[in-house]
Amino acid sequence: MFAGFIGVAIPFLFGSLAVTFGLLGLARRLNRGQCAIGLAAGPLSVLYPIFLAGALGA
């Protein structure tokens, strides 16, 4: 049960942090390429556990 919680909580946490810092970096015009990758990868890491749970639960 603990591994399942960590497997879901960590991607949500890091995905939301990637989006937050990506937006902050773009607003301050810092390393725009890295900020764009953070904005692209952040939502993917949030959606991945949702799709995985749906695929394994069905």
C-alpha atoms as a PDB file:
ATOM      1  CA  MET A   1       0.000   0.000   0.000  1.00  0.00           C
ATOM      2  CA  PHE A   2       2.852   2.385   0.801  1.00  0.00           C
ATOM      3  CA  ALA A   3       4.503   1.752  -2.584  1.00  0.00           C
ATOM      4  CA  GLY A   4       1.218   2.474  -4.319  1.00  0.00           C
ATOM      5  CA  PHE A   5       0.829   5.754  -2.453  1.00  0.00           C
ATOM      6  CA  ILE A   6       4.383   6.828  -3.277  1.00  0.00           C
ATOM      7  CA  GLY A   7       3.918   5.734  -6.884  1.00  0.00           C
ATOM      8  CA  VAL A   8       0.978   8.128  -7.194  1.00  0.00           C
ATOM      9  CA  ALA A   9       2.029  10.966  -4.872  1.00  0.00           C
ATOM     10  CA  ILE A  10       5.520  11.566  -6.275  1.00  0.00           C
ATOM     11  CA  PRO A  11       4.452  12.127  -9.906  1.00  0.00           C
ATOM     12  CA  PHE A  12       1.672  14.484  -8.778  1.00  0.00           C
ATOM     13  CA  LEU A  13       4.070  16.459  -6.599  1.00  0.00           C
ATOM     14  CA  PHE A  14       6.899  16.698  -9.121  1.00  0.00           C
ATOM     15  CA  GLY A  15       4.544  17.317 -12.034  1.00  0.00           C
ATOM     16  CA  SER A  16       2.893  20.220 -10.305  1.00  0.00           C
ATOM     17  CA  LEU A  17       6.300  21.603  -9.322  1.00  0.00           C
ATOM     18  CA  ALA A  18       7.507  21.321 -12.931  1.00  0.00           C
ATOM     19  CA  VAL A  19       4.519  23.296 -14.171  1.00  0.00           C
ATOM     20  CA  THR A  20       4.862  25.906 -11.423  1.00  0.00           C
ATOM     21  CA  PHE A  21       8.567  26.492 -11.933  1.00  0.00           C
ATOM     22  CA  GLY A  22       8.177  26.375 -15.696  1.00  0.00           C
ATOM     23  CA  LEU A  23       5.639  29.177 -15.559  1.00  0.00           C
ATOM     24  CA  LEU A  24       7.757  31.176 -13.120  1.00  0.00           C
ATOM     25  CA  GLY A  25      10.825  30.768 -15.322  1.00  0.00           C
ATOM     26  CA  LEU A  26       8.963  31.850 -18.434  1.00  0.00           C
ATOM     27  CA  ALA A  27       7.612  34.901 -16.615  1.00  0.00           C
ATOM     28  CA  ARG A  28      11.133  35.893 -15.562  1.00  0.00           C
ATOM     29  CA  ARG A  29      12.577  34.987 -18.988  1.00  0.00           C
ATOM     30  CA  LEU A  30      15.036  32.436 -17.601  1.00  0.00           C
ATOM     31  CA  ASN A  31      16.298  29.551 -19.767  1.00  0.00           C
ATOM     32  CA  ARG A  32      13.185  29.357 -21.908  1.00  0.00           C
ATOM     33  CA  GLY A  33      13.965  25.919 -23.398  1.00  0.00           C
ATOM     34  CA  GLN A  34      14.205  24.245 -20.035  1.00  0.00           C
ATOM     35  CA  CYS A  35      11.030  26.004 -18.880  1.00  0.00           C
ATOM     36  CA  ALA A  36       9.171  24.771 -21.953  1.00  0.00           C
ATOM     37  CA  ILE A  37      10.296  21.198 -21.314  1.00  0.00           C
ATOM     38  CA  GLY A  38       9.099  21.513 -17.714  1.00  0.00           C
ATOM     39  CA  LEU A  39       5.724  22.722 -18.948  1.00  0.00           C
ATOM     40  CA  ALA A  40       5.511  19.790 -21.367  1.00  0.00           C
ATOM     41  CA  ALA A  41       6.709  17.063 -18.988  1.00  0.00           C
ATOM     42  CA  GLY A  42       4.849  18.257 -15.894  1.00  0.00           C
ATOM     43  CA  PRO A  43       1.316  17.474 -17.097  1.00  0.00           C
ATOM     44  CA  LEU A  44       2.507  14.160 -18.522  1.00  0.00           C
ATOM     45  CA  SER A  45       3.817  13.076 -15.142  1.00  0.00           C
ATOM     46  CA  VAL A  46       0.518  14.058 -13.522  1.00  0.00           C
ATOM     47  CA  LEU A  47      -1.592  12.200 -16.089  1.00  0.00           C
ATOM     48  CA  TYR A  48       0.574   9.059 -16.251  1.00  0.00           C
ATOM     49  CA  PRO A  49      -0.594   7.508 -12.929  1.00  0.00           C
ATOM     50  CA  ILE A  50      -4.203   8.284 -13.813  1.00  0.00           C
ATOM     51  CA  PHE A  51      -3.968   6.462 -17.146  1.00  0.00           C
ATOM     52  CA  LEU A  52      -1.984   3.629 -15.581  1.00  0.00           C
ATOM     53  CA  ALA A  53      -4.577   3.113 -12.854  1.00  0.00           C
ATOM     54  CA  GLY A  54      -7.339   3.156 -15.462  1.00  0.00           C
ATOM     55  CA  ALA A  55      -5.543   0.618 -17.632  1.00  0.00           C
ATOM     56  CA  LEU A  56      -4.732  -1.744 -14.770  1.00  0.00           C
ATOM     57  CA  GLY A  57      -8.110  -1.342 -13.092  1.00  0.00           C
ATOM     58  CA  ALA A  58     -10.133  -2.278 -16.149  1.00  0.00           C
END
